[in-house]
Protein backbone atom coordinates (compact mmCIF):
# COMPACT_ATOMS: atom_id res chain seq x y z
CA MET A 1 0.13 -0.07 -0.21
CA ASN A 2 3.01 2.93 0.84
CA GLN A 3 4.36 2.18 -2.79
CA ALA A 4 1.07 2.45 -4.18
CA PHE A 5 0.96 6.01 -2.14
CA ARG A 6 4.24 6.68 -3.12
CA ARG A 7 3.33 6.19 -7.01
CA MET A 8 0.39 8.47 -6.51
CA GLY A 9 2.24 11.74 -5.27
CA TYR A 10 2.32 11.11 -1.74
CA SER A 11 5.29 11.21 0.18
CA ALA A 12 5.54 8.98 3.52
CA ALA A 13 5.49 12.22 5.76
CA LYS A 14 2.03 12.41 3.65
CA LEU A 15 0.95 9.49 4.30
CA THR A 16 1.28 6.00 5.22
CA ALA A 17 -0.95 2.55 5.92
CA HIS A 18 0.21 2.38 9.22
CA GLY A 19 -1.24 6.51 9.49
CA LEU A 20 -4.29 5.14 8.52
CA ARG A 21 -4.37 2.22 10.61
CA THR A 22 -3.71 4.19 14.09
CA THR A 23 -7.05 6.99 13.13
CA ALA A 24 -9.28 4.05 12.16
CA SER A 25 -8.34 3.09 15.96
CA THR A 26 -8.26 6.36 17.25
CA LEU A 27 -11.66 7.12 15.54
CA LEU A 28 -13.24 3.61 16.11
CA ASN A 29 -12.32 3.62 19.87
CA GLU A 30 -12.97 7.28 20.73
CA SER A 31 -16.42 6.77 19.26
CA GLY A 32 -16.98 4.26 22.50
CA LYS A 33 -19.81 2.66 20.12
CA TRP A 34 -17.57 -0.13 19.83
CA SER A 35 -15.37 -3.12 21.69
CA PRO A 36 -11.34 -2.65 21.44
CA ASP A 37 -11.50 -6.38 21.20
CA ALA A 38 -13.62 -6.29 18.30
CA ILE A 39 -11.61 -2.82 16.56
CA GLU A 40 -8.32 -4.58 17.33
CA ARG A 41 -9.47 -7.58 15.87
CA SER A 42 -10.13 -5.89 12.68
CA LEU A 43 -6.73 -4.23 12.79
CA ALA A 44 -4.36 -6.32 13.66
CA HIS A 45 -1.90 -7.72 11.80
CA ALA A 46 -2.17 -11.42 10.06
CA ASP A 47 -2.53 -13.32 12.62
CA LYS A 48 0.76 -15.75 13.02
CA ASP A 49 -1.18 -19.37 12.43
CA THR A 50 -1.57 -18.44 8.77
CA ILE A 51 -3.77 -21.69 8.90
CA ARG A 52 -5.59 -20.70 11.55
CA GLY A 53 -6.20 -16.83 10.74
CA THR A 54 -7.22 -18.06 7.30
CA TYR A 55 -10.31 -19.94 8.28
CA ASN A 56 -11.38 -18.20 11.92
CA ARG A 57 -13.10 -15.03 10.90
CA GLY A 58 -16.24 -15.33 12.49
CA ARG A 59 -14.69 -13.52 16.27
CA TYR A 60 -16.96 -9.98 16.64
CA TRP A 61 -18.35 -10.88 12.99
CA ASP A 62 -22.30 -9.41 13.30
CA GLU A 63 -19.61 -6.25 15.55
CA ARG A 64 -17.41 -5.55 12.63
CA VAL A 65 -19.06 -5.98 9.22
CA ALA A 66 -21.92 -3.10 11.19
CA MET A 67 -18.41 -1.03 12.35
CA HIS A 68 -16.68 -1.54 8.99
CA GLN A 69 -20.20 -0.23 7.72
CA CYS A 70 -19.41 3.06 9.22
CA TRP A 71 -16.39 3.28 8.68
CA SER A 72 -17.14 3.00 4.91
CA ASP A 73 -20.09 5.80 5.36
CA TYR A 74 -17.82 7.73 7.15
CA LEU A 75 -15.07 7.32 4.38
CA ASP A 76 -17.82 8.12 2.10
CA SER A 77 -19.34 11.51 3.72
CA LEU A 78 -15.42 13.09 3.87
CA ARG A 79 -15.01 11.97 0.26
CA ASP A 80 -18.76 13.60 -0.57
CA GLY A 81 -18.32 16.97 0.20
CA GLY A 82 -16.27 16.94 3.31
CA LYS A 83 -18.45 16.81 6.62
CA ALA A 84 -17.19 14.99 8.70
CA VAL A 85 -20.16 12.85 10.12
CA SER A 86 -20.22 12.17 13.94
CA LEU A 87 -18.72 8.52 15.20
CA THR A 88 -20.02 8.73 19.02
CA ALA A 89 -22.62 6.07 20.62
CA GLY A 90 -25.57 5.84 18.90
CA GLU A 91 -25.17 8.09 16.78
CA VAL A 92 -24.04 7.95 13.06
CA THR A 93 -26.22 10.67 10.92
CA ALA A 94 -24.22 12.78 7.75
């Protein structure tokens, strides 16, 4: 991903894949809407046991799907006009 960012013209000082993970982690944790375990499971690096990591996707699945949809909606909102949405508990609005 970092190489793709460089080809798009973003320097390492401006944008990194790990920086995006940090931003997502911060906003999702501060929202209070999602369990920290579900957030970490979604953002964690791959399981060291590649077989287990390939087949064990069910932990926190429903919450993770909802969280990723919320995050996607947030990014779409930013793309479509720069208007940030609230990610606070119980409140997801555009």
